[in-house]
Amino acid sequence: MRSRFPAPWIFLAVLLSAWALGCEANPTLIDYGVHGYVRSAQSGDAISGIDVTFTSDTLRRAADESDGDGRYEIVVESDTAFGHLTAVDPRGRYEAEIVEVYFDEQTRRVDIRMGPAPEPEG
């Protein structure tokens, strides 16, 4: 009795080829870099420990934490040159900031100035 499929090895070869094509890296992704300093809007002093996240318009994300000099550096693999930075103080001393970013070059410097968090009402 004959099989409905041509030789099983042909079926296997087609299946493996399809899998291999699906596993290739996305050729439209580009590494974009964004770096800068997080500073107090009032004093200009560096702020350490701020969580800085870049999110592209297609929701690809990368993050860093500002160091003792307030510096952060992020590299994100993205398929679009648009996105935004979000800076959040996990200790709640500063109000969160959102900054729009457009990569007209592969690397951008974006400094972030954060104001004090509002006083709790009560």
PDB file of N, CA and C in Angstrom:
ATOM      1  N   MET A   1       0.834  -1.179   0.000  1.00  0.00           N
ATOM      2  CA  MET A   1       0.000   0.000   0.000  1.00  0.00           C
ATOM      3  C   MET A   1       0.881   1.246   0.000  1.00  0.00           C
ATOM      4  N   ARG A   2       0.496   2.164  -0.845  1.00  0.00           N
ATOM      5  CA  ARG A   2       1.268   3.376  -1.021  1.00  0.00           C
ATOM      6  C   ARG A   2       0.840   4.462  -0.044  1.00  0.00           C
ATOM      7  N   SER A   3       1.847   5.275   0.439  1.00  0.00           N
ATOM      8  CA  SER A   3       1.575   6.377   1.360  1.00  0.00           C
ATOM      9  C   SER A   3       0.970   7.550   0.585  1.00  0.00           C
ATOM     10  N   ARG A   4       0.150   8.341   1.264  1.00  0.00           N
ATOM     11  CA  ARG A   4      -0.430   9.529   0.632  1.00  0.00           C
ATOM     12  C   ARG A   4       0.634  10.586   0.393  1.00  0.00           C
ATOM     13  N   PHE A   5       1.637  10.658   1.255  1.00  0.00           N
ATOM     14  CA  PHE A   5       2.708  11.632   1.116  1.00  0.00           C
ATOM     15  C   PHE A   5       3.777  11.076   0.198  1.00  0.00           C
ATOM     16  N   PRO A   6       4.430  11.978  -0.548  1.00  0.00           N
ATOM     17  CA  PRO A   6       5.594  11.512  -1.290  1.00  0.00           C
ATOM     18  C   PRO A   6       6.600  10.996  -0.256  1.00  0.00           C
ATOM     19  N   ALA A   7       7.694  10.631  -0.697  1.00  0.00           N
ATOM     20  CA  ALA A   7       8.691  10.049   0.209  1.00  0.00           C
ATOM     21  C   ALA A   7       8.784  10.875   1.491  1.00  0.00           C
ATOM     22  N   PRO A   8       8.826  10.239   2.656  1.00  0.00           N
ATOM     23  CA  PRO A   8       8.860  10.962   3.930  1.00  0.00           C
ATOM     24  C   PRO A   8      10.039  11.920   4.042  1.00  0.00           C
ATOM     25  N   TRP A   9      11.127  11.626   3.389  1.00  0.00           N
ATOM     26  CA  TRP A   9      12.280  12.516   3.487  1.00  0.00           C
ATOM     27  C   TRP A   9      12.017  13.855   2.813  1.00  0.00           C
ATOM     28  N   ILE A  10      11.160  13.898   1.783  1.00  0.00           N
ATOM     29  CA  ILE A  10      10.805  15.171   1.139  1.00  0.00           C
ATOM     30  C   ILE A  10       9.995  16.022   2.112  1.00  0.00           C
ATOM     31  N   PHE A  11       9.048  15.393   2.773  1.00  0.00           N
ATOM     32  CA  PHE A  11       8.230  16.089   3.760  1.00  0.00           C
ATOM     33  C   PHE A  11       9.127  16.652   4.871  1.00  0.00           C
ATOM     34  N   LEU A  12      10.067  15.856   5.339  1.00  0.00           N
ATOM     35  CA  LEU A  12      10.988  16.280   6.389  1.00  0.00           C
ATOM     36  C   LEU A  12      11.871  17.445   5.916  1.00  0.00           C
ATOM     37  N   ALA A  13      12.350  17.383   4.687  1.00  0.00           N
ATOM     38  CA  ALA A  13      13.194  18.454   4.134  1.00  0.00           C
ATOM     39  C   ALA A  13      12.424  19.765   4.054  1.00  0.00           C
ATOM     40  N   VAL A  14      11.178  19.720   3.619  1.00  0.00           N
ATOM     41  CA  VAL A  14      10.350  20.926   3.531  1.00  0.00           C
ATOM     42  C   VAL A  14      10.101  21.496   4.925  1.00  0.00           C
ATOM     43  N   LEU A  15       9.799  20.636   5.863  1.00  0.00           N
ATOM     44  CA  LEU A  15       9.541  21.070   7.233  1.00  0.00           C
ATOM     45  C   LEU A  15      10.771  21.741   7.842  1.00  0.00           C
ATOM     46  N   LEU A  16      11.949  21.150   7.668  1.00  0.00           N
ATOM     47  CA  LEU A  16      13.177  21.724   8.206  1.00  0.00           C
ATOM     48  C   LEU A  16      13.519  23.043   7.524  1.00  0.00           C
ATOM     49  N   SER A  17      13.279  23.149   6.232  1.00  0.00           N
ATOM     50  CA  SER A  17      13.546  24.406   5.522  1.00  0.00           C
ATOM     51  C   SER A  17      12.657  25.528   6.040  1.00  0.00           C
ATOM     52  N   ALA A  18      11.390  25.238   6.242  1.00  0.00           N
ATOM     53  CA  ALA A  18      10.460  26.238   6.762  1.00  0.00           C
ATOM     54  C   ALA A  18      10.877  26.674   8.159  1.00  0.00           C
ATOM     55  N   TRP A  19      11.294  25.731   8.994  1.00  0.00           N
ATOM     56  CA  TRP A  19      11.742  26.058  10.344  1.00  0.00           C
ATOM     57  C   TRP A  19      12.990  26.937  10.289  1.00  0.00           C
ATOM     58  N   ALA A  20      13.933  26.610   9.436  1.00  0.00           N
ATOM     59  CA  ALA A  20      15.176  27.372   9.335  1.00  0.00           C
ATOM     60  C   ALA A  20      14.898  28.804   8.874  1.00  0.00           C
ATOM     61  N   LEU A  21      14.002  28.983   7.946  1.00  0.00           N
ATOM     62  CA  LEU A  21      13.667  30.329   7.479  1.00  0.00           C
ATOM     63  C   LEU A  21      13.013  31.136   8.582  1.00  0.00           C
ATOM     64  N   GLY A  22      12.178  30.511   9.381  1.00  0.00           N
ATOM     65  CA  GLY A  22      11.501  31.194  10.481  1.00  0.00           C
ATOM     66  C   GLY A  22      12.433  31.553  11.610  1.00  0.00           C
ATOM     67  N   CYS A  23      13.576  30.910  11.724  1.00  0.00           N
ATOM     68  CA  CYS A  23      14.502  31.162  12.816  1.00  0.00           C
ATOM     69  C   CYS A  23      15.555  32.203  12.493  1.00  0.00           C
ATOM     70  N   GLU A  24      15.580  32.704  11.284  1.00  0.00           N
ATOM     71  CA  GLU A  24      16.569  33.721  10.929  1.00  0.00           C
ATOM     72  C   GLU A  24      16.294  35.006  11.692  1.00  0.00           C
ATOM     73  N   ALA A  25      17.355  35.764  11.973  1.00  0.00           N
ATOM     74  CA  ALA A  25      17.198  37.055  12.641  1.00  0.00           C
ATOM     75  C   ALA A  25      16.413  37.986  11.724  1.00  0.00           C
ATOM     76  N   ASN A  26      15.634  38.866  12.342  1.00  0.00           N
ATOM     77  CA  ASN A  26      14.859  39.824  11.575  1.00  0.00           C
ATOM     78  C   ASN A  26      15.818  40.827  10.934  1.00  0.00           C
ATOM     79  N   PRO A  27      15.916  40.854   9.605  1.00  0.00           N
ATOM     80  CA  PRO A  27      16.898  41.725   8.946  1.00  0.00           C
ATOM     81  C   PRO A  27      16.558  43.206   9.052  1.00  0.00           C
ATOM     82  N   THR A  28      15.349  43.568   9.503  1.00  0.00           N
ATOM     83  CA  THR A  28      14.992  44.983   9.591  1.00  0.00           C
ATOM     84  C   THR A  28      15.313  45.577  10.959  1.00  0.00           C
ATOM     85  N   LEU A  29      15.818  44.781  11.900  1.00  0.00           N
ATOM     86  CA  LEU A  29      16.141  45.309  13.220  1.00  0.00           C
ATOM     87  C   LEU A  29      17.490  46.021  13.194  1.00  0.00           C
ATOM     88  N   ILE A  30      17.544  47.163  13.875  1.00  0.00           N
ATOM     89  CA  ILE A  30      18.760  47.970  13.960  1.00  0.00           C
ATOM     90  C   ILE A  30      19.028  48.250  15.429  1.00  0.00           C
ATOM     91  N   ASP A  31      20.305  48.240  15.816  1.00  0.00           N
ATOM     92  CA  ASP A  31      20.671  48.620  17.174  1.00  0.00           C
ATOM     93  C   ASP A  31      20.731  50.139  17.263  1.00  0.00           C
ATOM     94  N   TYR A  32      19.876  50.715  18.114  1.00  0.00           N
ATOM     95  CA  TYR A  32      19.891  52.146  18.383  1.00  0.00           C
ATOM     96  C   TYR A  32      20.400  52.358  19.799  1.00  0.00           C
ATOM     97  N   GLY A  33      21.169  53.417  19.989  1.00  0.00           N
ATOM     98  CA  GLY A  33      21.691  53.734  21.315  1.00  0.00           C
ATOM     99  C   GLY A  33      21.201  55.087  21.778  1.00  0.00           C
ATOM    100  N   VAL A  34      20.832  55.153  23.040  1.00  0.00           N
ATOM    101  CA  VAL A  34      20.442  56.424  23.643  1.00  0.00           C
ATOM    102  C   VAL A  34      21.152  56.501  24.997  1.00  0.00           C
ATOM    103  N   HIS A  35      21.732  57.665  25.270  1.00  0.00           N
ATOM    104  CA  HIS A  35      22.451  57.863  26.516  1.00  0.00           C
ATOM    105  C   HIS A  35      22.300  59.311  26.946  1.00  0.00           C
ATOM    106  N   GLY A  36      22.619  59.560  28.188  1.00  0.00           N
ATOM    107  CA  GLY A  36      22.551  60.923  28.683  1.00  0.00           C
ATOM    108  C   GLY A  36      22.654  60.942  30.192  1.00  0.00           C
ATOM    109  N   TYR A  37      22.194  62.045  30.777  1.00  0.00           N
ATOM    110  CA  TYR A  37      22.267  62.236  32.218  1.00  0.00           C
ATOM    111  C   TYR A  37      20.887  62.541  32.768  1.00  0.00           C
ATOM    112  N   VAL A  38      20.648  62.067  33.982  1.00  0.00           N
ATOM    113  CA  VAL A  38      19.421  62.395  34.704  1.00  0.00           C
ATOM    114  C   VAL A  38      19.818  63.405  35.775  1.00  0.00           C
ATOM    115  N   ARG A  39      19.155  64.572  35.750  1.00  0.00           N
ATOM    116  CA  ARG A  39      19.508  65.649  36.682  1.00  0.00           C
ATOM    117  C   ARG A  39      18.249  66.245  37.314  1.00  0.00           C
ATOM    118  N   SER A  40      18.454  66.868  38.451  1.00  0.00           N
ATOM    119  CA  SER A  40      17.376  67.572  39.133  1.00  0.00           C
ATOM    120  C   SER A  40      17.030  68.823  38.328  1.00  0.00           C
ATOM    121  N   ALA A  41      15.739  69.043  38.094  1.00  0.00           N
ATOM    122  CA  ALA A  41      15.295  70.238  37.374  1.00  0.00           C
ATOM    123  C   ALA A  41      15.547  71.493  38.209  1.00  0.00           C
ATOM    124  N   GLN A  42      15.600  71.358  39.531  1.00  0.00           N
ATOM    125  CA  GLN A  42      15.801  72.520  40.401  1.00  0.00           C
ATOM    126  C   GLN A  42      17.270  72.889  40.552  1.00  0.00           C
ATOM    127  N   SER A  43      18.095  71.910  40.897  1.00  0.00           N
ATOM    128  CA  SER A  43      19.494  72.214  41.216  1.00  0.00           C
ATOM    129  C   SER A  43      20.477  71.872  40.106  1.00  0.00           C
ATOM    130  N   GLY A  44      20.085  70.986  39.189  1.00  0.00           N
ATOM    131  CA  GLY A  44      20.993  70.529  38.146  1.00  0.00           C
ATOM    132  C   GLY A  44      21.911  69.405  38.611  1.00  0.00           C
ATOM    133  N   ASP A  45      21.760  68.987  39.866  1.00  0.00           N
ATOM    134  CA  ASP A  45      22.587  67.894  40.396  1.00  0.00           C
ATOM    135  C   ASP A  45      22.208  66.569  39.756  1.00  0.00           C
ATOM    136  N   ALA A  46      23.205  65.683  39.645  1.00  0.00           N
ATOM    137  CA  ALA A  46      22.972  64.336  39.118  1.00  0.00           C
ATOM    138  C   ALA A  46      22.054  63.562  40.062  1.00  0.00           C
ATOM    139  N   ILE A  47      21.208  62.712  39.467  1.00  0.00           N
ATOM    140  CA  ILE A  47      20.329  61.848  40.268  1.00  0.00           C
ATOM    141  C   ILE A  47      20.683  60.406  39.946  1.00  0.00           C
ATOM    142  N   SER A  48      21.100  59.669  40.940  1.00  0.00           N
ATOM    143  CA  SER A  48      21.417  58.250  40.741  1.00  0.00           C
ATOM    144  C   SER A  48      20.215  57.386  41.095  1.00  0.00           C
ATOM    145  N   GLY A  49      20.235  56.152  40.614  1.00  0.00           N
ATOM    146  CA  GLY A  49      19.192  55.191  40.964  1.00  0.00           C
ATOM    147  C   GLY A  49      17.869  55.374  40.251  1.00  0.00           C
ATOM    148  N   ILE A  50      17.861  56.118  39.154  1.00  0.00           N
ATOM    149  CA  ILE A  50      16.627  56.326  38.377  1.00  0.00           C
ATOM    150  C   ILE A  50      16.520  55.227  37.329  1.00  0.00           C
ATOM    151  N   ASP A  51      15.361  54.594  37.252  1.00  0.00           N
ATOM    152  CA  ASP A  51      15.105  53.569  36.235  1.00  0.00           C
ATOM    153  C   ASP A  51      14.722  54.271  34.934  1.00  0.00           C
ATOM    154  N   VAL A  52      15.553  54.098  33.902  1.00  0.00           N
ATOM    155  CA  VAL A  52      15.311  54.722  32.597  1.00  0.00           C
ATOM    156  C   VAL A  52      15.038  53.605  31.599  1.00  0.00           C
ATOM    157  N   THR A  53      13.889  53.664  30.936  1.00  0.00           N
ATOM    158  CA  THR A  53      13.477  52.640  29.984  1.00  0.00           C
ATOM    159  C   THR A  53      13.182  53.281  28.640  1.00  0.00           C
ATOM    160  N   PHE A  54      13.736  52.705  27.569  1.00  0.00           N
ATOM    161  CA  PHE A  54      13.376  53.124  26.217  1.00  0.00           C
ATOM    162  C   PHE A  54      12.372  52.115  25.682  1.00  0.00           C
ATOM    163  N   THR A  55      11.265  52.608  25.123  1.00  0.00           N
ATOM    164  CA  THR A  55      10.262  51.769  24.488  1.00  0.00           C
ATOM    165  C   THR A  55      10.046  52.287  23.075  1.00  0.00           C
ATOM    166  N   SER A  56      10.282  51.428  22.078  1.00  0.00           N
ATOM    167  CA  SER A  56      10.075  51.855  20.689  1.00  0.00           C
ATOM    168  C   SER A  56       8.584  51.874  20.389  1.00  0.00           C
ATOM    169  N   ASP A  57       8.221  52.487  19.279  1.00  0.00           N
ATOM    170  CA  ASP A  57       6.815  52.537  18.883  1.00  0.00           C
ATOM    171  C   ASP A  57       6.252  51.151  18.575  1.00  0.00           C
ATOM    172  N   THR A  58       7.131  50.162  18.384  1.00  0.00           N
ATOM    173  CA  THR A  58       6.673  48.780  18.178  1.00  0.00           C
ATOM    174  C   THR A  58       6.882  47.946  19.440  1.00  0.00           C
ATOM    175  N   LEU A  59       7.028  48.647  20.583  1.00  0.00           N
ATOM    176  CA  LEU A  59       7.074  48.051  21.921  1.00  0.00           C
ATOM    177  C   LEU A  59       8.303  47.213  22.223  1.00  0.00           C
ATOM    178  N   ARG A  60       9.393  47.473  21.540  1.00  0.00           N
ATOM    179  CA  ARG A  60      10.667  46.832  21.913  1.00  0.00           C
ATOM    180  C   ARG A  60      11.267  47.675  23.028  1.00  0.00           C
ATOM    181  N   ARG A  61      11.766  46.994  24.086  1.00  0.00           N
ATOM    182  CA  ARG A  61      12.224  47.720  25.272  1.00  0.00           C
ATOM    183  C   ARG A  61      13.646  47.363  25.669  1.00  0.00           C
ATOM    184  N   ALA A  62      14.296  48.338  26.293  1.00  0.00           N
ATOM    185  CA  ALA A  62      15.590  48.129  26.938  1.00  0.00           C
ATOM    186  C   ALA A  62      15.677  49.163  28.060  1.00  0.00           C
ATOM    187  N   ALA A  63      16.460  48.852  29.102  1.00  0.00           N
ATOM    188  CA  ALA A  63      16.481  49.731  30.267  1.00  0.00           C
ATOM    189  C   ALA A  63      17.872  49.797  30.889  1.00  0.00           C
ATOM    190  N   ASP A  64      18.052  50.816  31.724  1.00  0.00           N
ATOM    191  CA  ASP A  64      19.274  50.992  32.505  1.00  0.00           C
ATOM    192  C   ASP A  64      18.899  51.785  33.756  1.00  0.00           C
ATOM    193  N   GLU A  65      19.818  51.814  34.704  1.00  0.00           N
ATOM    194  CA  GLU A  65      19.647  52.610  35.917  1.00  0.00           C
ATOM    195  C   GLU A  65      20.738  53.670  35.929  1.00  0.00           C
ATOM    196  N   SER A  66      20.374  54.909  36.257  1.00  0.00           N
ATOM    197  CA  SER A  66      21.378  55.974  36.275  1.00  0.00           C
ATOM    198  C   SER A  66      22.394  55.713  37.388  1.00  0.00           C
ATOM    199  N   ASP A  67      23.669  56.000  37.076  1.00  0.00           N
ATOM    200  CA  ASP A  67      24.748  55.739  38.033  1.00  0.00           C
ATOM    201  C   ASP A  67      24.961  56.949  38.949  1.00  0.00           C
ATOM    202  N   GLY A  68      26.047  56.948  39.688  1.00  0.00           N
ATOM    203  CA  GLY A  68      26.334  58.022  40.635  1.00  0.00           C
ATOM    204  C   GLY A  68      26.496  59.388  40.001  1.00  0.00           C
ATOM    205  N   ASP A  69      26.839  59.415  38.713  1.00  0.00           N
ATOM    206  CA  ASP A  69      26.953  60.680  37.982  1.00  0.00           C
ATOM    207  C   ASP A  69      25.650  61.044  37.270  1.00  0.00           C
ATOM    208  N   GLY A  70      24.612  60.212  37.448  1.00  0.00           N
ATOM    209  CA  GLY A  70      23.336  60.436  36.772  1.00  0.00           C
ATOM    210  C   GLY A  70      23.313  59.903  35.349  1.00  0.00           C
ATOM    211  N   ARG A  71      24.374  59.232  34.930  1.00  0.00           N
ATOM    212  CA  ARG A  71      24.483  58.752  33.545  1.00  0.00           C
ATOM    213  C   ARG A  71      23.731  57.436  33.354  1.00  0.00           C
ATOM    214  N   TYR A  72      23.091  57.329  32.193  1.00  0.00           N
ATOM    215  CA  TYR A  72      22.465  56.070  31.765  1.00  0.00           C
ATOM    216  C   TYR A  72      22.880  55.817  30.325  1.00  0.00           C
ATOM    217  N   GLU A  73      22.804  54.561  29.913  1.00  0.00           N
ATOM    218  CA  GLU A  73      23.136  54.196  28.532  1.00  0.00           C
ATOM    219  C   GLU A  73      22.302  52.979  28.149  1.00  0.00           C
ATOM    220  N   ILE A  74      21.588  53.093  27.046  1.00  0.00           N
ATOM    221  CA  ILE A  74      20.682  52.031  26.610  1.00  0.00           C
ATOM    222  C   ILE A  74      20.939  51.725  25.140  1.00  0.00           C
ATOM    223  N   VAL A  75      20.976  50.444  24.809  1.00  0.00           N
ATOM    224  CA  VAL A  75      21.000  49.996  23.419  1.00  0.00           C
ATOM    225  C   VAL A  75      19.764  49.138  23.226  1.00  0.00           C
ATOM    226  N   VAL A  76      18.984  49.473  22.215  1.00  0.00           N
ATOM    227  CA  VAL A  76      17.764  48.707  21.943  1.00  0.00           C
ATOM    228  C   VAL A  76      17.778  48.270  20.487  1.00  0.00           C
ATOM    229  N   GLU A  77      17.411  47.029  20.251  1.00  0.00           N
ATOM    230  CA  GLU A  77      17.271  46.504  18.893  1.00  0.00           C
ATOM    231  C   GLU A  77      15.833  46.795  18.471  1.00  0.00           C
ATOM    232  N   SER A  78      15.673  47.602  17.431  1.00  0.00           N
ATOM    233  CA  SER A  78      14.325  48.031  17.063  1.00  0.00           C
ATOM    234  C   SER A  78      14.147  48.075  15.552  1.00  0.00           C
ATOM    235  N   ASP A  79      12.904  48.027  15.143  1.00  0.00           N
ATOM    236  CA  ASP A  79      12.562  48.106  13.736  1.00  0.00           C
ATOM    237  C   ASP A  79      11.949  49.459  13.381  1.00  0.00           C
ATOM    238  N   THR A  80      12.014  50.414  14.314  1.00  0.00           N
ATOM    239  CA  THR A  80      11.529  51.758  14.042  1.00  0.00           C
ATOM    240  C   THR A  80      12.432  52.763  14.750  1.00  0.00           C
ATOM    241  N   ALA A  81      12.542  53.960  14.207  1.00  0.00           N
ATOM    242  CA  ALA A  81      13.423  54.986  14.766  1.00  0.00           C
ATOM    243  C   ALA A  81      12.695  55.902  15.744  1.00  0.00           C
ATOM    244  N   PHE A  82      11.506  55.538  16.155  1.00  0.00           N
ATOM    245  CA  PHE A  82      10.714  56.359  17.064  1.00  0.00           C
ATOM    246  C   PHE A  82      10.445  55.610  18.365  1.00  0.00           C
ATOM    247  N   GLY A  83      10.330  56.360  19.449  1.00  0.00           N
ATOM    248  CA  GLY A  83       9.987  55.764  20.733  1.00  0.00           C
ATOM    249  C   GLY A  83      10.005  56.816  21.819  1.00  0.00           C
ATOM    250  N   HIS A  84      10.064  56.355  23.072  1.00  0.00           N
ATOM    251  CA  HIS A  84      10.118  57.300  24.181  1.00  0.00           C
ATOM    252  C   HIS A  84      10.918  56.726  25.344  1.00  0.00           C
ATOM    253  N   LEU A  85      11.474  57.623  26.126  1.00  0.00           N
ATOM    254  CA  LEU A  85      12.166  57.274  27.357  1.00  0.00           C
ATOM    255  C   LEU A  85      11.238  57.555  28.522  1.00  0.00           C
ATOM    256  N   THR A  86      11.234  56.672  29.478  1.00  0.00           N
ATOM    257  CA  THR A  86      10.501  56.876  30.715  1.00  0.00           C
ATOM    258  C   THR A  86      11.511  56.826  31.849  1.00  0.00           C
ATOM    259  N   ALA A  87      11.538  57.850  32.680  1.00  0.00           N
ATOM    260  CA  ALA A  87      12.430  57.901  33.837  1.00  0.00           C
ATOM    261  C   ALA A  87      11.574  57.872  35.098  1.00  0.00           C
ATOM    262  N   VAL A  88      11.845  56.894  35.955  1.00  0.00           N
ATOM    263  CA  VAL A  88      11.042  56.706  37.165  1.00  0.00           C
ATOM    264  C   VAL A  88      11.972  56.557  38.363  1.00  0.00           C
ATOM    265  N   ASP A  89      11.669  57.272  39.435  1.00  0.00           N
ATOM    266  CA  ASP A  89      12.422  57.138  40.680  1.00  0.00           C
ATOM    267  C   ASP A  89      11.722  56.102  41.549  1.00  0.00           C
ATOM    268  N   PRO A  90      12.334  54.927  41.737  1.00  0.00           N
ATOM    269  CA  PRO A  90      11.668  53.890  42.528  1.00  0.00           C
ATOM    270  C   PRO A  90      11.471  54.283  43.995  1.00  0.00           C
ATOM    271  N   ARG A  91      12.201  55.299  44.464  1.00  0.00           N
ATOM    272  CA  ARG A  91      12.038  55.763  45.852  1.00  0.00           C
ATOM    273  C   ARG A  91      10.990  56.868  45.971  1.00  0.00           C
ATOM    274  N   GLY A  92      10.481  57.343  44.838  1.00  0.00           N
ATOM    275  CA  GLY A  92       9.395  58.321  44.866  1.00  0.00           C
ATOM    276  C   GLY A  92       9.799  59.752  45.184  1.00  0.00           C
ATOM    277  N   ARG A  93      11.078  60.089  45.115  1.00  0.00           N
ATOM    278  CA  ARG A  93      11.516  61.459  45.412  1.00  0.00           C
ATOM    279  C   ARG A  93      11.251  62.410  44.258  1.00  0.00           C
ATOM    280  N   TYR A  94      11.241  61.872  43.035  1.00  0.00           N
ATOM    281  CA  TYR A  94      11.091  62.705  41.836  1.00  0.00           C
ATOM    282  C   TYR A  94       9.889  62.246  41.022  1.00  0.00           C
ATOM    283  N   GLU A  95       9.288  63.212  40.344  1.00  0.00           N
ATOM    284  CA  GLU A  95       8.141  62.906  39.480  1.00  0.00           C
ATOM    285  C   GLU A  95       8.635  62.231  38.198  1.00  0.00           C
ATOM    286  N   ALA A  96       7.907  61.223  37.736  1.00  0.00           N
ATOM    287  CA  ALA A  96       8.279  60.493  36.517  1.00  0.00           C
ATOM    288  C   ALA A  96       8.281  61.434  35.321  1.00  0.00           C
ATOM    289  N   GLU A  97       9.184  61.161  34.388  1.00  0.00           N
ATOM    290  CA  GLU A  97       9.293  61.957  33.165  1.00  0.00           C
ATOM    291  C   GLU A  97       9.205  61.043  31.947  1.00  0.00           C
ATOM    292  N   ILE A  98       8.575  61.532  30.896  1.00  0.00           N
ATOM    293  CA  ILE A  98       8.511  60.819  29.615  1.00  0.00           C
ATOM    294  C   ILE A  98       9.047  61.769  28.545  1.00  0.00           C
ATOM    295  N   VAL A  99       9.997  61.268  27.749  1.00  0.00           N
ATOM    296  CA  VAL A  99      10.627  62.081  26.709  1.00  0.00           C
ATOM    297  C   VAL A  99      10.516  61.343  25.378  1.00  0.00           C
ATOM    298  N   GLU A 100       9.959  62.008  24.365  1.00  0.00           N
ATOM    299  CA  GLU A 100       9.877  61.417  23.029  1.00  0.00           C
ATOM    300  C   GLU A 100      11.265  61.400  22.394  1.00  0.00           C
ATOM    301  N   VAL A 101      11.554  60.321  21.641  1.00  0.00           N
ATOM    302  CA  VAL A 101      12.866  60.181  21.012  1.00  0.00           C
ATOM    303  C   VAL A 101      12.687  59.819  19.541  1.00  0.00           C
ATOM    304  N   TYR A 102      13.449  60.503  18.691  1.00  0.00           N
ATOM    305  CA  TYR A 102      13.542  60.146  17.279  1.00  0.00           C
ATOM    306  C   TYR A 102      15.016  59.967  16.962  1.00  0.00           C
ATOM    307  N   PHE A 103      15.364  58.821  16.410  1.00  0.00           N
ATOM    308  CA  PHE A 103      16.758  58.550  16.049  1.00  0.00           C
ATOM    309  C   PHE A 103      17.021  59.027  14.629  1.00  0.00           C
ATOM    310  N   ASP A 104      17.528  60.244  14.491  1.00  0.00           N
ATOM    311  CA  ASP A 104      17.955  60.715  13.171  1.00  0.00           C
ATOM    312  C   ASP A 104      19.364  60.204  12.892  1.00  0.00           C
ATOM    313  N   GLU A 105      20.018  59.680  13.920  1.00  0.00           N
ATOM    314  CA  GLU A 105      21.282  58.958  13.819  1.00  0.00           C
ATOM    315  C   GLU A 105      21.128  57.707  14.677  1.00  0.00           C
ATOM    316  N   GLN A 106      22.071  56.791  14.595  1.00  0.00           N
ATOM    317  CA  GLN A 106      21.935  55.544  15.349  1.00  0.00           C
ATOM    318  C   GLN A 106      22.121  55.731  16.840  1.00  0.00           C
ATOM    319  N   THR A 107      22.757  56.822  17.250  1.00  0.00           N
ATOM    320  CA  THR A 107      22.969  57.102  18.666  1.00  0.00           C
ATOM    321  C   THR A 107      22.512  58.515  18.977  1.00  0.00           C
ATOM    322  N   ARG A 108      21.790  58.657  20.077  1.00  0.00           N
ATOM    323  CA  ARG A 108      21.297  59.978  20.501  1.00  0.00           C
ATOM    324  C   ARG A 108      21.647  60.229  21.952  1.00  0.00           C
ATOM    325  N   ARG A 109      21.926  61.477  22.270  1.00  0.00           N
ATOM    326  CA  ARG A 109      22.068  61.882  23.667  1.00  0.00           C
ATOM    327  C   ARG A 109      20.788  62.594  24.070  1.00  0.00           C
ATOM    328  N   VAL A 110      20.194  62.123  25.162  1.00  0.00           N
ATOM    329  CA  VAL A 110      18.973  62.727  25.679  1.00  0.00           C
ATOM    330  C   VAL A 110      19.155  62.898  27.187  1.00  0.00           C
ATOM    331  N   ASP A 111      19.274  64.154  27.629  1.00  0.00           N
ATOM    332  CA  ASP A 111      19.361  64.431  29.054  1.00  0.00           C
ATOM    333  C   ASP A 111      17.949  64.595  29.613  1.00  0.00           C
ATOM    334  N   ILE A 112      17.752  64.107  30.821  1.00  0.00           N
ATOM    335  CA  ILE A 112      16.426  64.113  31.446  1.00  0.00           C
ATOM    336  C   ILE A 112      16.497  64.943  32.715  1.00  0.00           C
ATOM    337  N   ARG A 113      15.567  65.886  32.848  1.00  0.00           N
ATOM    338  CA  ARG A 113      15.485  66.709  34.056  1.00  0.00           C
ATOM    339  C   ARG A 113      14.203  66.327  34.794  1.00  0.00           C
ATOM    340  N   MET A 114      14.375  66.013  36.070  1.00  0.00           N
ATOM    341  CA  MET A 114      13.237  65.552  36.871  1.00  0.00           C
ATOM    342  C   MET A 114      12.950  66.531  38.006  1.00  0.00           C
ATOM    343  N   GLY A 115      11.665  66.857  38.140  1.00  0.00           N
ATOM    344  CA  GLY A 115      11.230  67.725  39.238  1.00  0.00           C
ATOM    345  C   GLY A 115      10.863  66.893  40.452  1.00  0.00           C
ATOM    346  N   PRO A 116      10.734  67.548  41.593  1.00  0.00           N
ATOM    347  CA  PRO A 116      10.379  66.803  42.804  1.00  0.00           C
ATOM    348  C   PRO A 116       8.974  66.210  42.698  1.00  0.00           C
ATOM    349  N   ALA A 117       8.795  65.097  43.378  1.00  0.00           N
ATOM    350  CA  ALA A 117       7.463  64.475  43.422  1.00  0.00           C
ATOM    351  C   ALA A 117       6.531  65.374  44.211  1.00  0.00           C
ATOM    352  N   PRO A 118       5.270  65.421  43.827  1.00  0.00           N
ATOM    353  CA  PRO A 118       4.316  66.259  44.586  1.00  0.00           C
ATOM    354  C   PRO A 118       4.164  65.734  46.011  1.00  0.00           C
ATOM    355  N   GLU A 119       3.949  66.668  46.911  1.00  0.00           N
ATOM    356  CA  GLU A 119       3.717  66.290  48.318  1.00  0.00           C
ATOM    357  C   GLU A 119       2.383  65.569  48.435  1.00  0.00           C
ATOM    358  N   PRO A 120       2.342  64.515  49.220  1.00  0.00           N
ATOM    359  CA  PRO A 120       1.059  63.804  49.398  1.00  0.00           C
ATOM    360  C   PRO A 120       0.059  64.697  50.120  1.00  0.00           C
ATOM    361  N   GLU A 121      -1.178  64.631  49.657  1.00  0.00           N
ATOM    362  CA  GLU A 121      -2.232  65.428  50.288  1.00  0.00           C
ATOM    363  C   GLU A 121      -2.723  64.683  51.527  1.00  0.00           C
ATOM    364  N   GLY A 122      -3.090  65.437  52.514  1.00  0.00           N
ATOM    365  CA  GLY A 122      -3.660  64.731  53.645  1.00  0.00           C
ATOM    366  C   GLY A 122      -3.555  65.474  54.858  1.00  0.00           C
TER     367      GLY A 122
END
